[in-house]
PDB file of N, CA and C in Angstrom:
ATOM      1  N   MET A   1      -9.476  58.319  -1.089  1.00  0.00           N
ATOM      2  CA  MET A   1      -9.383  57.424   0.027  1.00  0.00           C
ATOM      3  C   MET A   1     -10.002  56.061  -0.315  1.00  0.00           C
ATOM      4  N   LYS A   2     -11.130  56.085  -1.063  1.00  0.00           N
ATOM      5  CA  LYS A   2     -11.782  54.843  -1.438  1.00  0.00           C
ATOM      6  C   LYS A   2     -10.856  53.996  -2.305  1.00  0.00           C
ATOM      7  N   LYS A   3     -10.094  54.634  -3.196  1.00  0.00           N
ATOM      8  CA  LYS A   3      -9.189  53.908  -4.084  1.00  0.00           C
ATOM      9  C   LYS A   3      -8.086  53.216  -3.289  1.00  0.00           C
ATOM     10  N   ILE A   4      -7.590  53.828  -2.237  1.00  0.00           N
ATOM     11  CA  ILE A   4      -6.526  53.236  -1.420  1.00  0.00           C
ATOM     12  C   ILE A   4      -7.062  52.014  -0.668  1.00  0.00           C
ATOM     13  N   ILE A   5      -8.254  52.130  -0.099  1.00  0.00           N
ATOM     14  CA  ILE A   5      -8.842  51.012   0.643  1.00  0.00           C
ATOM     15  C   ILE A   5      -9.160  49.863  -0.318  1.00  0.00           C
ATOM     16  N   LEU A   6      -9.708  50.206  -1.495  1.00  0.00           N
ATOM     17  CA  LEU A   6     -10.029  49.184  -2.484  1.00  0.00           C
ATOM     18  C   LEU A   6      -8.764  48.496  -2.978  1.00  0.00           C
ATOM     19  N   SER A   7      -7.707  49.256  -3.230  1.00  0.00           N
ATOM     20  CA  SER A   7      -6.434  48.689  -3.676  1.00  0.00           C
ATOM     21  C   SER A   7      -5.847  47.775  -2.608  1.00  0.00           C
ATOM     22  N   ALA A   8      -5.909  48.192  -1.344  1.00  0.00           N
ATOM     23  CA  ALA A   8      -5.389  47.374  -0.249  1.00  0.00           C
ATOM     24  C   ALA A   8      -6.185  46.076  -0.127  1.00  0.00           C
ATOM     25  N   ALA A   9      -7.502  46.129  -0.278  1.00  0.00           N
ATOM     26  CA  ALA A   9      -8.341  44.943  -0.173  1.00  0.00           C
ATOM     27  C   ALA A   9      -8.034  43.967  -1.305  1.00  0.00           C
ATOM     28  N   ILE A  10      -7.865  44.481  -2.502  1.00  0.00           N
ATOM     29  CA  ILE A  10      -7.551  43.624  -3.651  1.00  0.00           C
ATOM     30  C   ILE A  10      -6.179  42.985  -3.470  1.00  0.00           C
ATOM     31  N   LEU A  11      -5.207  43.756  -3.008  1.00  0.00           N
ATOM     32  CA  LEU A  11      -3.854  43.241  -2.802  1.00  0.00           C
ATOM     33  C   LEU A  11      -3.833  42.159  -1.727  1.00  0.00           C
ATOM     34  N   LEU A  12      -4.490  42.417  -0.597  1.00  0.00           N
ATOM     35  CA  LEU A  12      -4.515  41.421   0.475  1.00  0.00           C
ATOM     36  C   LEU A  12      -5.309  40.179   0.072  1.00  0.00           C
ATOM     37  N   GLY A  13      -6.369  40.370  -0.684  1.00  0.00           N
ATOM     38  CA  GLY A  13      -7.149  39.232  -1.172  1.00  0.00           C
ATOM     39  C   GLY A  13      -6.338  38.364  -2.121  1.00  0.00           C
ATOM     40  N   GLY A  14      -5.551  38.999  -2.968  1.00  0.00           N
ATOM     41  CA  GLY A  14      -4.708  38.256  -3.900  1.00  0.00           C
ATOM     42  C   GLY A  14      -3.622  37.467  -3.195  1.00  0.00           C
ATOM     43  N   LEU A  15      -3.069  38.042  -2.132  1.00  0.00           N
ATOM     44  CA  LEU A  15      -2.037  37.342  -1.378  1.00  0.00           C
ATOM     45  C   LEU A  15      -2.603  36.166  -0.598  1.00  0.00           C
ATOM     46  N   SER A  16      -3.816  36.296  -0.122  1.00  0.00           N
ATOM     47  CA  SER A  16      -4.403  35.203   0.652  1.00  0.00           C
ATOM     48  C   SER A  16      -4.729  34.004  -0.243  1.00  0.00           C
ATOM     49  N   LEU A  17      -5.023  34.225  -1.507  1.00  0.00           N
ATOM     50  CA  LEU A  17      -5.290  33.120  -2.419  1.00  0.00           C
ATOM     51  C   LEU A  17      -4.047  32.280  -2.649  1.00  0.00           C
ATOM     52  N   GLN A  18      -2.889  32.895  -2.685  1.00  0.00           N
ATOM     53  CA  GLN A  18      -1.653  32.161  -2.917  1.00  0.00           C
ATOM     54  C   GLN A  18      -1.243  31.362  -1.688  1.00  0.00           C
ATOM     55  N   ALA A  19      -1.691  31.741  -0.515  1.00  0.00           N
ATOM     56  CA  ALA A  19      -1.332  31.050   0.713  1.00  0.00           C
ATOM     57  C   ALA A  19      -2.246  29.861   1.006  1.00  0.00           C
ATOM     58  N   THR A  20      -3.275  29.676   0.202  1.00  0.00           N
ATOM     59  CA  THR A  20      -4.209  28.581   0.416  1.00  0.00           C
ATOM     60  C   THR A  20      -3.538  27.256   0.060  1.00  0.00           C
ATOM     61  N   PRO A  21      -3.613  26.248   0.936  1.00  0.00           N
ATOM     62  CA  PRO A  21      -3.006  24.956   0.608  1.00  0.00           C
ATOM     63  C   PRO A  21      -3.763  24.307  -0.548  1.00  0.00           C
ATOM     64  N   THR A  22      -3.026  23.661  -1.416  1.00  0.00           N
ATOM     65  CA  THR A  22      -3.639  23.007  -2.569  1.00  0.00           C
ATOM     66  C   THR A  22      -3.433  21.505  -2.469  1.00  0.00           C
ATOM     67  N   ALA A  23      -4.295  20.775  -3.132  1.00  0.00           N
ATOM     68  CA  ALA A  23      -4.181  19.315  -3.158  1.00  0.00           C
ATOM     69  C   ALA A  23      -3.050  18.931  -4.095  1.00  0.00           C
ATOM     70  N   ALA A  24      -2.458  17.783  -3.852  1.00  0.00           N
ATOM     71  CA  ALA A  24      -1.386  17.285  -4.707  1.00  0.00           C
ATOM     72  C   ALA A  24      -1.935  17.017  -6.104  1.00  0.00           C
ATOM     73  N   ILE A  25      -1.168  17.368  -7.103  1.00  0.00           N
ATOM     74  CA  ILE A  25      -1.612  17.209  -8.490  1.00  0.00           C
ATOM     75  C   ILE A  25      -1.671  15.732  -8.865  1.00  0.00           C
ATOM     76  N   ASN A  26      -0.621  14.984  -8.577  1.00  0.00           N
ATOM     77  CA  ASN A  26      -0.568  13.559  -8.893  1.00  0.00           C
ATOM     78  C   ASN A  26      -0.279  12.765  -7.628  1.00  0.00           C
ATOM     79  N   PRO A  27      -1.276  12.516  -6.805  1.00  0.00           N
ATOM     80  CA  PRO A  27      -1.002  11.755  -5.588  1.00  0.00           C
ATOM     81  C   PRO A  27      -0.621  10.311  -5.944  1.00  0.00           C
ATOM     82  N   ALA A  28       0.288   9.742  -5.185  1.00  0.00           N
ATOM     83  CA  ALA A  28       0.711   8.367  -5.435  1.00  0.00           C
ATOM     84  C   ALA A  28      -0.431   7.422  -5.091  1.00  0.00           C
ATOM     85  N   LYS A  29      -0.709   6.514  -5.986  1.00  0.00           N
ATOM     86  CA  LYS A  29      -1.778   5.550  -5.767  1.00  0.00           C
ATOM     87  C   LYS A  29      -1.175   4.163  -5.650  1.00  0.00           C
ATOM     88  N   GLU A  30      -1.667   3.417  -4.700  1.00  0.00           N
ATOM     89  CA  GLU A  30      -1.205   2.057  -4.522  1.00  0.00           C
ATOM     90  C   GLU A  30      -2.160   1.144  -5.262  1.00  0.00           C
ATOM     91  N   SER A  31      -1.623   0.290  -6.100  1.00  0.00           N
ATOM     92  CA  SER A  31      -2.477  -0.622  -6.839  1.00  0.00           C
ATOM     93  C   SER A  31      -2.133  -2.060  -6.460  1.00  0.00           C
ATOM     94  N   VAL A  32      -3.148  -2.876  -6.461  1.00  0.00           N
ATOM     95  CA  VAL A  32      -2.988  -4.276  -6.124  1.00  0.00           C
ATOM     96  C   VAL A  32      -3.508  -5.079  -7.304  1.00  0.00           C
ATOM     97  N   LYS A  33      -2.701  -5.992  -7.797  1.00  0.00           N
ATOM     98  CA  LYS A  33      -3.118  -6.829  -8.913  1.00  0.00           C
ATOM     99  C   LYS A  33      -3.816  -8.062  -8.354  1.00  0.00           C
ATOM    100  N   PHE A  34      -5.068  -8.233  -8.722  1.00  0.00           N
ATOM    101  CA  PHE A  34      -5.891  -9.317  -8.210  1.00  0.00           C
ATOM    102  C   PHE A  34      -6.181 -10.274  -9.354  1.00  0.00           C
ATOM    103  N   GLN A  35      -5.884 -11.548  -9.167  1.00  0.00           N
ATOM    104  CA  GLN A  35      -6.026 -12.499 -10.258  1.00  0.00           C
ATOM    105  C   GLN A  35      -7.102 -13.551 -10.031  1.00  0.00           C
ATOM    106  N   ASP A  36      -8.087 -13.264  -9.214  1.00  0.00           N
ATOM    107  CA  ASP A  36      -9.214 -14.170  -9.032  1.00  0.00           C
ATOM    108  C   ASP A  36      -8.783 -15.586  -8.657  1.00  0.00           C
ATOM    109  N   GLU A  37      -7.820 -15.725  -7.766  1.00  0.00           N
ATOM    110  CA  GLU A  37      -7.352 -17.008  -7.274  1.00  0.00           C
ATOM    111  C   GLU A  37      -6.712 -17.862  -8.356  1.00  0.00           C
ATOM    112  N   TYR A  38      -6.174 -17.278  -9.375  1.00  0.00           N
ATOM    113  CA  TYR A  38      -5.444 -18.013 -10.404  1.00  0.00           C
ATOM    114  C   TYR A  38      -3.973 -18.033 -10.025  1.00  0.00           C
ATOM    115  N   LYS A  39      -3.311 -19.156 -10.296  1.00  0.00           N
ATOM    116  CA  LYS A  39      -1.875 -19.293 -10.031  1.00  0.00           C
ATOM    117  C   LYS A  39      -1.155 -19.509 -11.350  1.00  0.00           C
ATOM    118  N   GLU A  40      -0.009 -18.869 -11.506  1.00  0.00           N
ATOM    119  CA  GLU A  40       0.733 -18.953 -12.762  1.00  0.00           C
ATOM    120  C   GLU A  40       1.307 -20.355 -12.954  1.00  0.00           C
ATOM    121  N   VAL A  41       1.231 -20.848 -14.195  1.00  0.00           N
ATOM    122  CA  VAL A  41       1.792 -22.150 -14.552  1.00  0.00           C
ATOM    123  C   VAL A  41       2.739 -21.962 -15.728  1.00  0.00           C
ATOM    124  N   ASP A  42       3.653 -22.900 -15.873  1.00  0.00           N
ATOM    125  CA  ASP A  42       4.644 -22.810 -16.957  1.00  0.00           C
ATOM    126  C   ASP A  42       4.148 -23.408 -18.263  1.00  0.00           C
ATOM    127  N   ALA A  43       3.307 -24.444 -18.179  1.00  0.00           N
ATOM    128  CA  ALA A  43       2.850 -25.125 -19.392  1.00  0.00           C
ATOM    129  C   ALA A  43       1.339 -25.336 -19.328  1.00  0.00           C
ATOM    130  N   VAL A  44       0.738 -25.387 -20.509  1.00  0.00           N
ATOM    131  CA  VAL A  44      -0.703 -25.664 -20.607  1.00  0.00           C
ATOM    132  C   VAL A  44      -0.887 -26.971 -21.372  1.00  0.00           C
ATOM    133  N   PRO A  45      -2.018 -27.650 -21.182  1.00  0.00           N
ATOM    134  CA  PRO A  45      -2.265 -28.897 -21.920  1.00  0.00           C
ATOM    135  C   PRO A  45      -2.278 -28.669 -23.432  1.00  0.00           C
ATOM    136  N   ALA A  46      -1.935 -29.716 -24.153  1.00  0.00           N
ATOM    137  CA  ALA A  46      -1.887 -29.645 -25.618  1.00  0.00           C
ATOM    138  C   ALA A  46      -3.244 -29.303 -26.214  1.00  0.00           C
ATOM    139  N   ALA A  47      -4.331 -29.741 -25.562  1.00  0.00           N
ATOM    140  CA  ALA A  47      -5.679 -29.461 -26.067  1.00  0.00           C
ATOM    141  C   ALA A  47      -5.940 -27.957 -26.092  1.00  0.00           C
ATOM    142  N   ILE A  48      -5.419 -27.240 -25.101  1.00  0.00           N
ATOM    143  CA  ILE A  48      -5.603 -25.792 -25.058  1.00  0.00           C
ATOM    144  C   ILE A  48      -4.816 -25.122 -26.174  1.00  0.00           C
ATOM    145  N   LYS A  49      -3.577 -25.566 -26.386  1.00  0.00           N
ATOM    146  CA  LYS A  49      -2.758 -24.992 -27.467  1.00  0.00           C
ATOM    147  C   LYS A  49      -3.421 -25.204 -28.823  1.00  0.00           C
ATOM    148  N   THR A  50      -3.952 -26.401 -29.044  1.00  0.00           N
ATOM    149  CA  THR A  50      -4.621 -26.711 -30.314  1.00  0.00           C
ATOM    150  C   THR A  50      -5.870 -25.854 -30.492  1.00  0.00           C
ATOM    151  N   ALA A  51      -6.659 -25.718 -29.440  1.00  0.00           N
ATOM    152  CA  ALA A  51      -7.892 -24.925 -29.520  1.00  0.00           C
ATOM    153  C   ALA A  51      -7.574 -23.457 -29.792  1.00  0.00           C
ATOM    154  N   LEU A  52      -6.539 -22.919 -29.152  1.00  0.00           N
ATOM    155  CA  LEU A  52      -6.173 -21.518 -29.394  1.00  0.00           C
ATOM    156  C   LEU A  52      -5.630 -21.317 -30.805  1.00  0.00           C
ATOM    157  N   ASP A  53      -4.842 -22.285 -31.296  1.00  0.00           N
ATOM    158  CA  ASP A  53      -4.330 -22.177 -32.676  1.00  0.00           C
ATOM    159  C   ASP A  53      -5.468 -22.194 -33.688  1.00  0.00           C
ATOM    160  N   ASN A  54      -6.504 -23.000 -33.421  1.00  0.00           N
ATOM    161  CA  ASN A  54      -7.652 -23.061 -34.335  1.00  0.00           C
ATOM    162  C   ASN A  54      -8.497 -21.791 -34.256  1.00  0.00           C
ATOM    163  N   ALA A  55      -8.686 -21.270 -33.045  1.00  0.00           N
ATOM    164  CA  ALA A  55      -9.541 -20.098 -32.860  1.00  0.00           C
ATOM    165  C   ALA A  55      -8.835 -18.801 -33.263  1.00  0.00           C
ATOM    166  N   TYR A  56      -7.540 -18.713 -33.006  1.00  0.00           N
ATOM    167  CA  TYR A  56      -6.770 -17.493 -33.270  1.00  0.00           C
ATOM    168  C   TYR A  56      -5.499 -17.843 -34.032  1.00  0.00           C
ATOM    169  N   PRO A  57      -5.554 -17.891 -35.355  1.00  0.00           N
ATOM    170  CA  PRO A  57      -4.347 -18.216 -36.124  1.00  0.00           C
ATOM    171  C   PRO A  57      -3.218 -17.216 -35.840  1.00  0.00           C
ATOM    172  N   GLY A  58      -2.025 -17.739 -35.628  1.00  0.00           N
ATOM    173  CA  GLY A  58      -0.868 -16.896 -35.346  1.00  0.00           C
ATOM    174  C   GLY A  58      -0.787 -16.453 -33.894  1.00  0.00           C
ATOM    175  N   VAL A  59      -1.446 -17.167 -32.992  1.00  0.00           N
ATOM    176  CA  VAL A  59      -1.479 -16.791 -31.580  1.00  0.00           C
ATOM    177  C   VAL A  59      -0.134 -17.077 -30.913  1.00  0.00           C
ATOM    178  N   LYS A  60       0.232 -16.214 -29.967  1.00  0.00           N
ATOM    179  CA  LYS A  60       1.422 -16.419 -29.135  1.00  0.00           C
ATOM    180  C   LYS A  60       0.972 -16.397 -27.681  1.00  0.00           C
ATOM    181  N   LEU A  61       1.317 -17.439 -26.932  1.00  0.00           N
ATOM    182  CA  LEU A  61       0.967 -17.514 -25.518  1.00  0.00           C
ATOM    183  C   LEU A  61       2.001 -16.755 -24.703  1.00  0.00           C
ATOM    184  N   GLU A  62       1.551 -15.805 -23.901  1.00  0.00           N
ATOM    185  CA  GLU A  62       2.451 -15.017 -23.049  1.00  0.00           C
ATOM    186  C   GLU A  62       2.555 -15.634 -21.660  1.00  0.00           C
ATOM    187  N   LYS A  63       1.439 -15.705 -20.955  1.00  0.00           N
ATOM    188  CA  LYS A  63       1.396 -16.257 -19.600  1.00  0.00           C
ATOM    189  C   LYS A  63       0.140 -17.091 -19.458  1.00  0.00           C
ATOM    190  N   ALA A  64       0.209 -18.052 -18.541  1.00  0.00           N
ATOM    191  CA  ALA A  64      -0.954 -18.894 -18.281  1.00  0.00           C
ATOM    192  C   ALA A  64      -1.141 -19.040 -16.778  1.00  0.00           C
ATOM    193  N   TYR A  65      -2.405 -19.055 -16.360  1.00  0.00           N
ATOM    194  CA  TYR A  65      -2.767 -19.196 -14.957  1.00  0.00           C
ATOM    195  C   TYR A  65      -3.854 -20.262 -14.858  1.00  0.00           C
ATOM    196  N   VAL A  66      -3.916 -20.944 -13.723  1.00  0.00           N
ATOM    197  CA  VAL A  66      -4.941 -21.968 -13.504  1.00  0.00           C
ATOM    198  C   VAL A  66      -5.531 -21.762 -12.111  1.00  0.00           C
ATOM    199  N   ASN A  67      -6.837 -22.087 -11.972  1.00  0.00           N
ATOM    200  CA  ASN A  67      -7.470 -22.002 -10.659  1.00  0.00           C
ATOM    201  C   ASN A  67      -7.800 -23.399 -10.159  1.00  0.00           C
ATOM    202  N   ASP A  68      -8.488 -23.478  -9.042  1.00  0.00           N
ATOM    203  CA  ASP A  68      -8.797 -24.772  -8.434  1.00  0.00           C
ATOM    204  C   ASP A  68      -9.769 -25.611  -9.263  1.00  0.00           C
ATOM    205  N   LYS A  69     -10.565 -24.974 -10.104  1.00  0.00           N
ATOM    206  CA  LYS A  69     -11.527 -25.693 -10.945  1.00  0.00           C
ATOM    207  C   LYS A  69     -10.899 -26.161 -12.254  1.00  0.00           C
ATOM    208  N   LYS A  70      -9.594 -25.998 -12.395  1.00  0.00           N
ATOM    209  CA  LYS A  70      -8.853 -26.350 -13.620  1.00  0.00           C
ATOM    210  C   LYS A  70      -9.312 -25.510 -14.813  1.00  0.00           C
ATOM    211  N   GLU A  71      -9.658 -24.260 -14.540  1.00  0.00           N
ATOM    212  CA  GLU A  71      -9.955 -23.301 -15.597  1.00  0.00           C
ATOM    213  C   GLU A  71      -8.695 -22.472 -15.809  1.00  0.00           C
ATOM    214  N   TYR A  72      -8.374 -22.220 -17.050  1.00  0.00           N
ATOM    215  CA  TYR A  72      -7.135 -21.518 -17.384  1.00  0.00           C
ATOM    216  C   TYR A  72      -7.433 -20.088 -17.826  1.00  0.00           C
ATOM    217  N   LYS A  73      -6.624 -19.186 -17.352  1.00  0.00           N
ATOM    218  CA  LYS A  73      -6.646 -17.788 -17.794  1.00  0.00           C
ATOM    219  C   LYS A  73      -5.346 -17.607 -18.569  1.00  0.00           C
ATOM    220  N   ILE A  74      -5.465 -17.329 -19.853  1.00  0.00           N
ATOM    221  CA  ILE A  74      -4.286 -17.289 -20.717  1.00  0.00           C
ATOM    222  C   ILE A  74      -4.165 -15.919 -21.363  1.00  0.00           C
ATOM    223  N   GLU A  75      -2.999 -15.308 -21.184  1.00  0.00           N
ATOM    224  CA  GLU A  75      -2.703 -14.031 -21.833  1.00  0.00           C
ATOM    225  C   GLU A  75      -2.057 -14.350 -23.171  1.00  0.00           C
ATOM    226  N   ILE A  76      -2.666 -13.836 -24.244  1.00  0.00           N
ATOM    227  CA  ILE A  76      -2.188 -14.144 -25.595  1.00  0.00           C
ATOM    228  C   ILE A  76      -1.919 -12.853 -26.367  1.00  0.00           C
ATOM    229  N   ILE A  77      -1.174 -13.007 -27.461  1.00  0.00           N
ATOM    230  CA  ILE A  77      -0.954 -11.906 -28.398  1.00  0.00           C
ATOM    231  C   ILE A  77      -1.307 -12.419 -29.790  1.00  0.00           C
ATOM    232  N   VAL A  78      -2.214 -11.700 -30.447  1.00  0.00           N
ATOM    233  CA  VAL A  78      -2.602 -12.020 -31.818  1.00  0.00           C
ATOM    234  C   VAL A  78      -2.443 -10.757 -32.647  1.00  0.00           C
ATOM    235  N   ARG A  79      -1.557 -10.796 -33.624  1.00  0.00           N
ATOM    236  CA  ARG A  79      -1.279  -9.636 -34.494  1.00  0.00           C
ATOM    237  C   ARG A  79      -0.972  -8.389 -33.675  1.00  0.00           C
ATOM    238  N   ASP A  80      -0.074  -8.515 -32.713  1.00  0.00           N
ATOM    239  CA  ASP A  80       0.397  -7.419 -31.854  1.00  0.00           C
ATOM    240  C   ASP A  80      -0.699  -6.841 -30.954  1.00  0.00           C
ATOM    241  N   VAL A  81      -1.772  -7.574 -30.727  1.00  0.00           N
ATOM    242  CA  VAL A  81      -2.837  -7.143 -29.823  1.00  0.00           C
ATOM    243  C   VAL A  81      -2.897  -8.128 -28.655  1.00  0.00           C
ATOM    244  N   LYS A  82      -2.741  -7.602 -27.434  1.00  0.00           N
ATOM    245  CA  LYS A  82      -2.798  -8.465 -26.251  1.00  0.00           C
ATOM    246  C   LYS A  82      -4.241  -8.644 -25.812  1.00  0.00           C
ATOM    247  N   SER A  83      -4.563  -9.862 -25.362  1.00  0.00           N
ATOM    248  CA  SER A  83      -5.884 -10.127 -24.805  1.00  0.00           C
ATOM    249  C   SER A  83      -5.799 -11.312 -23.851  1.00  0.00           C
ATOM    250  N   VAL A  84      -6.893 -11.553 -23.152  1.00  0.00           N
ATOM    251  CA  VAL A  84      -6.980 -12.633 -22.174  1.00  0.00           C
ATOM    252  C   VAL A  84      -8.102 -13.568 -22.587  1.00  0.00           C
ATOM    253  N   VAL A  85      -7.814 -14.875 -22.548  1.00  0.00           N
ATOM    254  CA  VAL A  85      -8.786 -15.897 -22.916  1.00  0.00           C
ATOM    255  C   VAL A  85      -8.904 -16.872 -21.752  1.00  0.00           C
ATOM    256  N   TYR A  86     -10.130 -17.288 -21.464  1.00  0.00           N
ATOM    257  CA  TYR A  86     -10.377 -18.269 -20.412  1.00  0.00           C
ATOM    258  C   TYR A  86     -10.783 -19.580 -21.066  1.00  0.00           C
ATOM    259  N   THR A  87     -10.170 -20.685 -20.642  1.00  0.00           N
ATOM    260  CA  THR A  87     -10.493 -22.007 -21.185  1.00  0.00           C
ATOM    261  C   THR A  87     -10.576 -23.017 -20.052  1.00  0.00           C
ATOM    262  N   ASP A  88     -11.147 -24.189 -20.387  1.00  0.00           N
ATOM    263  CA  ASP A  88     -11.077 -25.289 -19.437  1.00  0.00           C
ATOM    264  C   ASP A  88      -9.928 -26.202 -19.862  1.00  0.00           C
ATOM    265  N   ALA A  89      -9.723 -27.288 -19.135  1.00  0.00           N
ATOM    266  CA  ALA A  89      -8.580 -28.172 -19.412  1.00  0.00           C
ATOM    267  C   ALA A  89      -8.694 -28.887 -20.758  1.00  0.00           C
ATOM    268  N   GLN A  90      -9.920 -29.010 -21.291  1.00  0.00           N
ATOM    269  CA  GLN A  90     -10.113 -29.683 -22.583  1.00  0.00           C
ATOM    270  C   GLN A  90      -9.935 -28.730 -23.765  1.00  0.00           C
ATOM    271  N   GLY A  91      -9.741 -27.454 -23.509  1.00  0.00           N
ATOM    272  CA  GLY A  91      -9.545 -26.488 -24.582  1.00  0.00           C
ATOM    273  C   GLY A  91     -10.794 -25.739 -24.985  1.00  0.00           C
ATOM    274  N   ASN A  92     -11.900 -25.957 -24.285  1.00  0.00           N
ATOM    275  CA  ASN A  92     -13.135 -25.224 -24.585  1.00  0.00           C
ATOM    276  C   ASN A  92     -12.992 -23.794 -24.074  1.00  0.00           C
ATOM    277  N   ILE A  93     -13.252 -22.832 -24.934  1.00  0.00           N
ATOM    278  CA  ILE A  93     -13.124 -21.422 -24.557  1.00  0.00           C
ATOM    279  C   ILE A  93     -14.350 -21.018 -23.747  1.00  0.00           C
ATOM    280  N   LEU A  94     -14.083 -20.454 -22.571  1.00  0.00           N
ATOM    281  CA  LEU A  94     -15.155 -20.019 -21.659  1.00  0.00           C
ATOM    282  C   LEU A  94     -15.402 -18.534 -21.822  1.00  0.00           C
ATOM    283  N   LYS A  95     -16.612 -18.121 -21.590  1.00  0.00           N
ATOM    284  CA  LYS A  95     -16.949 -16.695 -21.656  1.00  0.00           C
ATOM    285  C   LYS A  95     -17.014 -16.156 -20.249  1.00  0.00           C
ATOM    286  N   LYS A  96     -16.171 -15.179 -19.945  1.00  0.00           N
ATOM    287  CA  LYS A  96     -16.178 -14.561 -18.608  1.00  0.00           C
ATOM    288  C   LYS A  96     -16.284 -13.083 -18.732  1.00  0.00           C
TER     289      LYS A  96
END
């Protein structure tokens, strides 16, 4: 009799575990791209291009952004490695 009760308890316990609601494995996440008040521009001053060429030989400019203080955020590629550089309008590289 003990074996029947024990078997029934194990069976019912196993079934109740499968009925438990589970959390979603990959819930959809909403992401917002924040650019620190920078606005995209089509061209950068020649001083910036010269400074980047001197600092990073073989640099390719991907995108450029400017803020109200005339500081530029520039996405570059050097030897197939993407990075972001901050400069001022005179071409001085800023540390951020």
